[in-house]
C-alpha atoms as a PDB file:
ATOM      1  CA  MET A   1     105.001 121.052  84.076  1.00  0.00           C
ATOM      2  CA  LYS A   2     104.628 122.259  87.648  1.00  0.00           C
ATOM      3  CA  ASN A   3     100.826 121.798  87.478  1.00  0.00           C
ATOM      4  CA  LYS A   4     101.221 118.231  86.184  1.00  0.00           C
ATOM      5  CA  LEU A   5     103.527 117.425  89.080  1.00  0.00           C
ATOM      6  CA  ILE A   6     101.078 118.814  91.645  1.00  0.00           C
ATOM      7  CA  VAL A   7      98.164 116.923  90.063  1.00  0.00           C
ATOM      8  CA  SER A   8     100.240 113.726  89.980  1.00  0.00           C
ATOM      9  CA  VAL A   9     101.179 114.032  93.654  1.00  0.00           C
ATOM     10  CA  LEU A  10      97.558 114.705  94.646  1.00  0.00           C
ATOM     11  CA  LEU A  11      96.296 111.726  92.622  1.00  0.00           C
ATOM     12  CA  LEU A  12      98.973 109.480  94.095  1.00  0.00           C
ATOM     13  CA  ALA A  13      98.085 110.586  97.633  1.00  0.00           C
ATOM     14  CA  THR A  14      94.378 110.034  97.001  1.00  0.00           C
ATOM     15  CA  PHE A  15      94.595 106.585  95.439  1.00  0.00           C
ATOM     16  CA  SER A  16      97.383 105.157  97.567  1.00  0.00           C
ATOM     17  CA  CYS A  17      95.460 105.483 100.829  1.00  0.00           C
ATOM     18  CA  ASP A  18      94.905 102.136 102.501  1.00  0.00           C
ATOM     19  CA  ARG A  19      91.413 100.898 103.276  1.00  0.00           C
ATOM     20  CA  VAL A  20      91.053 100.443 107.041  1.00  0.00           C
ATOM     21  CA  ASN A  21      88.693  97.751 108.316  1.00  0.00           C
ATOM     22  CA  ARG A  22      87.768  99.265 111.689  1.00  0.00           C
ATOM     23  CA  LEU A  23      86.099  97.560 114.642  1.00  0.00           C
ATOM     24  CA  THR A  24      82.566  98.651 115.510  1.00  0.00           C
ATOM     25  CA  ALA A  25      81.065  99.156 118.966  1.00  0.00           C
ATOM     26  CA  GLU A  26      79.408  95.745 118.548  1.00  0.00           C
ATOM     27  CA  ASP A  27      82.815  94.201 117.808  1.00  0.00           C
ATOM     28  CA  TYR A  28      84.315  95.732 120.953  1.00  0.00           C
ATOM     29  CA  ALA A  29      81.552  94.052 122.992  1.00  0.00           C
ATOM     30  CA  TRP A  30      83.355  90.743 122.332  1.00  0.00           C
ATOM     31  CA  MET A  31      86.315  91.938 124.444  1.00  0.00           C
ATOM     32  CA  PRO A  32      85.256  91.299 128.046  1.00  0.00           C
ATOM     33  CA  TYR A  33      88.642  92.123 129.577  1.00  0.00           C
ATOM     34  CA  GLY A  34      90.474  95.192 130.764  1.00  0.00           C
ATOM     35  CA  GLU A  35      93.987  95.803 131.988  1.00  0.00           C
ATOM     36  CA  ASN A  36      95.306  94.504 135.310  1.00  0.00           C
ATOM     37  CA  GLN A  37      92.738  91.770 135.799  1.00  0.00           C
ATOM     38  CA  THR A  38      93.486  88.378 137.330  1.00  0.00           C
ATOM     39  CA  LEU A  39      91.837  85.113 136.268  1.00  0.00           C
ATOM     40  CA  VAL A  40      92.145  82.163 138.648  1.00  0.00           C
ATOM     41  CA  PHE A  41      91.278  78.668 137.434  1.00  0.00           C
ATOM     42  CA  LYS A  42      90.905  75.469 139.456  1.00  0.00           C
ATOM     43  CA  SER A  43      91.111  71.967 138.021  1.00  0.00           C
ATOM     44  CA  ASN A  44      88.914  69.007 138.873  1.00  0.00           C
ATOM     45  CA  PHE A  45      92.099  67.567 140.497  1.00  0.00           C
ATOM     46  CA  GLY A  46      92.378  70.549 142.886  1.00  0.00           C
ATOM     47  CA  GLU A  47      95.236  72.408 141.152  1.00  0.00           C
ATOM     48  CA  ILE A  48      95.201  76.206 140.807  1.00  0.00           C
ATOM     49  CA  ASP A  49      96.520  78.304 137.904  1.00  0.00           C
ATOM     50  CA  THR A  50      96.452  82.049 137.371  1.00  0.00           C
ATOM     51  CA  ILE A  51      96.456  84.263 134.279  1.00  0.00           C
ATOM     52  CA  PHE A  52      97.412  87.910 134.827  1.00  0.00           C
ATOM     53  CA  LEU A  53      95.946  90.247 132.217  1.00  0.00           C
ATOM     54  CA  LEU A  54      98.446  93.032 131.690  1.00  0.00           C
ATOM     55  CA  LYS A  55      97.697  95.384 128.843  1.00  0.00           C
ATOM     56  CA  LYS A  56      94.858  96.068 126.449  1.00  0.00           C
ATOM     57  CA  ASP A  57      95.811  97.706 123.192  1.00  0.00           C
ATOM     58  CA  THR A  58      94.289  98.671 119.867  1.00  0.00           C
ATOM     59  CA  ILE A  59      96.667  97.941 117.018  1.00  0.00           C
ATOM     60  CA  PHE A  60      96.592  97.854 113.230  1.00  0.00           C
ATOM     61  CA  GLY A  61      97.603  94.873 111.118  1.00  0.00           C
ATOM     62  CA  TYR A  62      98.911  95.008 107.584  1.00  0.00           C
ATOM     63  CA  PRO A  63      98.020  91.658 105.970  1.00  0.00           C
ATOM     64  CA  GLU A  64      98.700  93.120 102.541  1.00  0.00           C
ATOM     65  CA  ALA A  65     101.847  95.060 103.401  1.00  0.00           C
ATOM     66  CA  GLN A  66     103.465  94.428 100.019  1.00  0.00           C
ATOM     67  CA  LYS A  67     100.519  95.740  98.005  1.00  0.00           C
ATOM     68  CA  PHE A  68     100.421  99.306  96.773  1.00  0.00           C
ATOM     69  CA  ASN A  69      96.913  99.897  98.100  1.00  0.00           C
ATOM     70  CA  GLY A  70      96.685  97.223 100.811  1.00  0.00           C
ATOM     71  CA  ILE A  71      94.008  96.695 103.418  1.00  0.00           C
ATOM     72  CA  VAL A  72      94.682  97.613 107.052  1.00  0.00           C
ATOM     73  CA  THR A  73      92.879  95.673 109.798  1.00  0.00           C
ATOM     74  CA  GLN A  74      92.112  96.920 113.303  1.00  0.00           C
ATOM     75  CA  HIS A  75      92.635  94.641 116.321  1.00  0.00           C
ATOM     76  CA  VAL A  76      91.934  95.027 120.042  1.00  0.00           C
ATOM     77  CA  VAL A  77      94.306  92.752 121.965  1.00  0.00           C
ATOM     78  CA  ILE A  78      94.756  91.755 125.606  1.00  0.00           C
ATOM     79  CA  TYR A  79      98.216  90.613 126.695  1.00  0.00           C
ATOM     80  CA  CYS A  80      98.859  88.376 129.684  1.00  0.00           C
ATOM     81  CA  ARG A  81     101.378  86.660 131.908  1.00  0.00           C
ATOM     82  CA  HIS A  82     100.668  82.936 132.141  1.00  0.00           C
ATOM     83  CA  THR A  83     102.227  79.761 133.463  1.00  0.00           C
ATOM     84  CA  SER A  84     104.501  77.937 131.047  1.00  0.00           C
ATOM     85  CA  PRO A  85     102.720  74.989 129.406  1.00  0.00           C
ATOM     86  CA  ILE A  86     105.945  72.941 129.612  1.00  0.00           C
ATOM     87  CA  LYS A  87     105.456  70.090 132.070  1.00  0.00           C
ATOM     88  CA  GLY A  88     107.378  70.753 135.263  1.00  0.00           C
ATOM     89  CA  GLY A  89     108.024  74.358 134.241  1.00  0.00           C
ATOM     90  CA  HIS A  90     107.334  76.792 137.061  1.00  0.00           C
ATOM     91  CA  ARG A  91     107.885  80.038 135.218  1.00  0.00           C
ATOM     92  CA  TYR A  92     105.666  82.721 133.771  1.00  0.00           C
ATOM     93  CA  LEU A  93     105.632  83.785 130.140  1.00  0.00           C
ATOM     94  CA  THR A  94     104.162  86.925 128.598  1.00  0.00           C
ATOM     95  CA  GLY A  95     102.186  87.040 125.364  1.00  0.00           C
ATOM     96  CA  GLU A  96      98.921  87.665 123.602  1.00  0.00           C
ATOM     97  CA  PHE A  97      95.877  86.092 125.247  1.00  0.00           C
ATOM     98  CA  PHE A  98      92.836  87.188 123.252  1.00  0.00           C
ATOM     99  CA  SER A  99      92.036  89.485 120.339  1.00  0.00           C
ATOM    100  CA  VAL A 100      89.056  90.708 118.363  1.00  0.00           C
ATOM    101  CA  PHE A 101      89.782  91.964 114.870  1.00  0.00           C
ATOM    102  CA  ARG A 102      88.405  92.830 111.454  1.00  0.00           C
ATOM    103  CA  ASN A 103      89.875  90.604 108.747  1.00  0.00           C
ATOM    104  CA  LYS A 104      90.667  91.478 105.123  1.00  0.00           C
ATOM    105  CA  GLN A 105      87.071  90.725 104.116  1.00  0.00           C
ATOM    106  CA  ASN A 106      85.882  93.188 106.812  1.00  0.00           C
ATOM    107  CA  LYS A 107      84.358  90.424 108.939  1.00  0.00           C
ATOM    108  CA  THR A 108      84.862  90.222 112.699  1.00  0.00           C
ATOM    109  CA  SER A 109      87.036  87.408 114.017  1.00  0.00           C
ATOM    110  CA  ILE A 110      88.438  86.396 117.380  1.00  0.00           C
ATOM    111  CA  ASP A 111      91.646  84.656 118.343  1.00  0.00           C
ATOM    112  CA  VAL A 112      92.461  82.842 121.601  1.00  0.00           C
ATOM    113  CA  GLN A 113      96.088  82.088 122.501  1.00  0.00           C
ATOM    114  CA  LEU A 114      95.577  80.101 125.707  1.00  0.00           C
ATOM    115  CA  ARG A 115      98.715  78.708 127.348  1.00  0.00           C
ATOM    116  CA  THR A 116      98.451  77.541 130.958  1.00  0.00           C
ATOM    117  CA  LYS A 117      99.898  75.075 133.432  1.00  0.00           C
ATOM    118  CA  LYS A 118     100.571  71.850 131.489  1.00  0.00           C
ATOM    119  CA  ALA A 119      98.112  72.874 128.761  1.00  0.00           C
ATOM    120  CA  ALA A 120      97.951  74.642 125.408  1.00  0.00           C
ATOM    121  CA  PHE A 121      95.102  75.493 123.055  1.00  0.00           C
ATOM    122  CA  TYR A 122      96.401  74.749 119.574  1.00  0.00           C
ATOM    123  CA  GLY A 123      93.744  76.753 117.838  1.00  0.00           C
ATOM    124  CA  TYR A 124      92.128  76.095 114.538  1.00  0.00           C
ATOM    125  CA  ARG A 125      93.035  76.059 110.893  1.00  0.00           C
ATOM    126  CA  HIS A 126      90.631  78.857 109.974  1.00  0.00           C
ATOM    127  CA  GLU A 127      89.655  82.115 111.616  1.00  0.00           C
ATOM    128  CA  LEU A 128      86.904  82.055 114.205  1.00  0.00           C
ATOM    129  CA  LEU A 129      84.388  84.351 112.549  1.00  0.00           C
ATOM    130  CA  ILE A 130      81.790  85.805 114.902  1.00  0.00           C
ATOM    131  CA  GLU A 131      79.014  85.138 112.387  1.00  0.00           C
ATOM    132  CA  ASP A 132      79.955  81.427 112.269  1.00  0.00           C
ATOM    133  CA  LEU A 133      80.109  81.173 116.053  1.00  0.00           C
ATOM    134  CA  LEU A 134      76.711  82.806 116.410  1.00  0.00           C
ATOM    135  CA  ALA A 135      75.241  80.348 113.892  1.00  0.00           C
ATOM    136  CA  ASP A 136      75.966  77.564 116.401  1.00  0.00           C
ATOM    137  CA  GLY A 137      74.221  79.583 119.105  1.00  0.00           C
ATOM    138  CA  PHE A 138      74.916  80.185 122.768  1.00  0.00           C
ATOM    139  CA  ILE A 139      74.671  77.456 125.379  1.00  0.00           C
ATOM    140  CA  THR A 140      74.113  77.666 129.123  1.00  0.00           C
ATOM    141  CA  LEU A 141      77.020  76.376 131.200  1.00  0.00           C
ATOM    142  CA  VAL A 142      76.831  75.685 134.916  1.00  0.00           C
ATOM    143  CA  THR A 143      80.203  75.546 136.690  1.00  0.00           C
ATOM    144  CA  THR A 144      81.028  75.080 140.361  1.00  0.00           C
ATOM    145  CA  GLN A 145      81.058  78.891 140.725  1.00  0.00           C
ATOM    146  CA  ALA A 146      78.389  80.327 138.430  1.00  0.00           C
ATOM    147  CA  GLU A 147      75.873  79.865 135.639  1.00  0.00           C
ATOM    148  CA  TYR A 148      76.640  81.464 132.275  1.00  0.00           C
ATOM    149  CA  GLU A 149      73.949  81.848 129.620  1.00  0.00           C
ATOM    150  CA  ASP A 150      76.072  83.336 126.831  1.00  0.00           C
ATOM    151  CA  VAL A 151      78.667  80.612 126.237  1.00  0.00           C
ATOM    152  CA  LEU A 152      80.212  79.509 122.962  1.00  0.00           C
ATOM    153  CA  VAL A 153      82.339  76.362 122.659  1.00  0.00           C
ATOM    154  CA  PHE A 154      85.590  76.455 120.649  1.00  0.00           C
ATOM    155  CA  SER A 155      87.202  73.173 119.730  1.00  0.00           C
ATOM    156  CA  SER A 156      90.913  72.832 119.081  1.00  0.00           C
ATOM    157  CA  ASP A 157      92.326  71.618 115.787  1.00  0.00           C
ATOM    158  CA  PRO A 158      92.228  67.784 116.072  1.00  0.00           C
ATOM    159  CA  TYR A 159      95.518  67.563 114.176  1.00  0.00           C
ATOM    160  CA  PHE A 160      97.331  68.192 117.474  1.00  0.00           C
ATOM    161  CA  SER A 161      95.148  65.928 119.638  1.00  0.00           C
ATOM    162  CA  ASN A 162      97.928  63.405 120.283  1.00  0.00           C
ATOM    163  CA  ARG A 163      99.877  65.987 122.302  1.00  0.00           C
ATOM    164  CA  GLU A 164      99.894  65.524 126.060  1.00  0.00           C
ATOM    165  CA  ARG A 165      99.035  69.149 126.866  1.00  0.00           C
ATOM    166  CA  PHE A 166      96.210  69.375 124.320  1.00  0.00           C
ATOM    167  CA  ILE A 167      93.199  71.517 125.295  1.00  0.00           C
ATOM    168  CA  SER A 168      90.266  70.088 123.382  1.00  0.00           C
ATOM    169  CA  ASN A 169      87.548  72.647 124.215  1.00  0.00           C
ATOM    170  CA  LEU A 170      87.269  76.216 125.436  1.00  0.00           C
ATOM    171  CA  TYR A 171      84.047  77.581 126.915  1.00  0.00           C
ATOM    172  CA  TRP A 172      83.835  81.289 126.199  1.00  0.00           C
ATOM    173  CA  SER A 173      81.243  83.585 127.767  1.00  0.00           C
ATOM    174  CA  LYS A 174      80.657  86.715 125.709  1.00  0.00           C
ATOM    175  CA  SER A 175      80.265  88.761 128.902  1.00  0.00           C
ATOM    176  CA  LYS A 176      82.921  87.116 131.110  1.00  0.00           C
ATOM    177  CA  GLY A 177      85.463  85.605 128.672  1.00  0.00           C
ATOM    178  CA  LEU A 178      87.116  82.258 129.333  1.00  0.00           C
ATOM    179  CA  VAL A 179      85.137  80.332 131.955  1.00  0.00           C
ATOM    180  CA  ARG A 180      86.250  76.728 131.378  1.00  0.00           C
ATOM    181  CA  TYR A 181      88.644  74.590 129.362  1.00  0.00           C
ATOM    182  CA  GLU A 182      89.037  70.842 129.006  1.00  0.00           C
ATOM    183  CA  LYS A 183      91.992  68.642 128.167  1.00  0.00           C
ATOM    184  CA  THR A 184      91.759  65.293 126.399  1.00  0.00           C
ATOM    185  CA  ASP A 185      93.156  63.517 129.480  1.00  0.00           C
ATOM    186  CA  GLY A 186      89.971  64.318 131.444  1.00  0.00           C
ATOM    187  CA  GLU A 187      91.359  67.334 133.288  1.00  0.00           C
ATOM    188  CA  CYS A 188      88.924  70.263 133.410  1.00  0.00           C
ATOM    189  CA  TRP A 189      89.694  73.802 134.572  1.00  0.00           C
ATOM    190  CA  GLU A 190      87.027  76.315 135.624  1.00  0.00           C
ATOM    191  CA  LEU A 191      87.170  80.013 136.420  1.00  0.00           C
ATOM    192  CA  VAL A 192      86.887  80.457 140.181  1.00  0.00           C
ATOM    193  CA  GLU A 193      87.920  84.088 140.447  1.00  0.00           C
ATOM    194  CA  GLY A 194      88.079  86.891 137.931  1.00  0.00           C
ATOM    195  CA  ASP A 195      88.044  90.631 138.483  1.00  0.00           C
END
């Protein structure tokens, strides 16, 4: 009886281990930011806004938490302090800014949670898979401050396009991160300083 109990415990321990979808070195290359960086953006109307990058962390997600043998996903996340997107609001909020993660299918995805002065990126209905983004290819973007040759364009979910603070497009440099974003009202913000 004692032997059966030991065998049962060992089998349970062996087969109940979660599968962990870990990030690779190539995945980490999609995270251009570190802690305590400051990103300063200037609009085509002369306004300035700042995003303070606070903390970079590697965390694990449990998308199948209720399953006996669920999958665990690894994420690298940068948190920030940003201006409230509420019009007239002059306060700073803290939250997630950008993450790179392995999903349940073990594919690499990214997530951008951009909230800035009078603007919000409402995201997308599906994950932004790196392989899908690379299929569209990189573009070259020339801003008032620099030229970037490794830029991908993310478009917001059009479902929210009637909102006043709607960011329609993000321009993301693989090496530098967010370099530009555009609102549907014609306002455009470009990175002017980032360390």
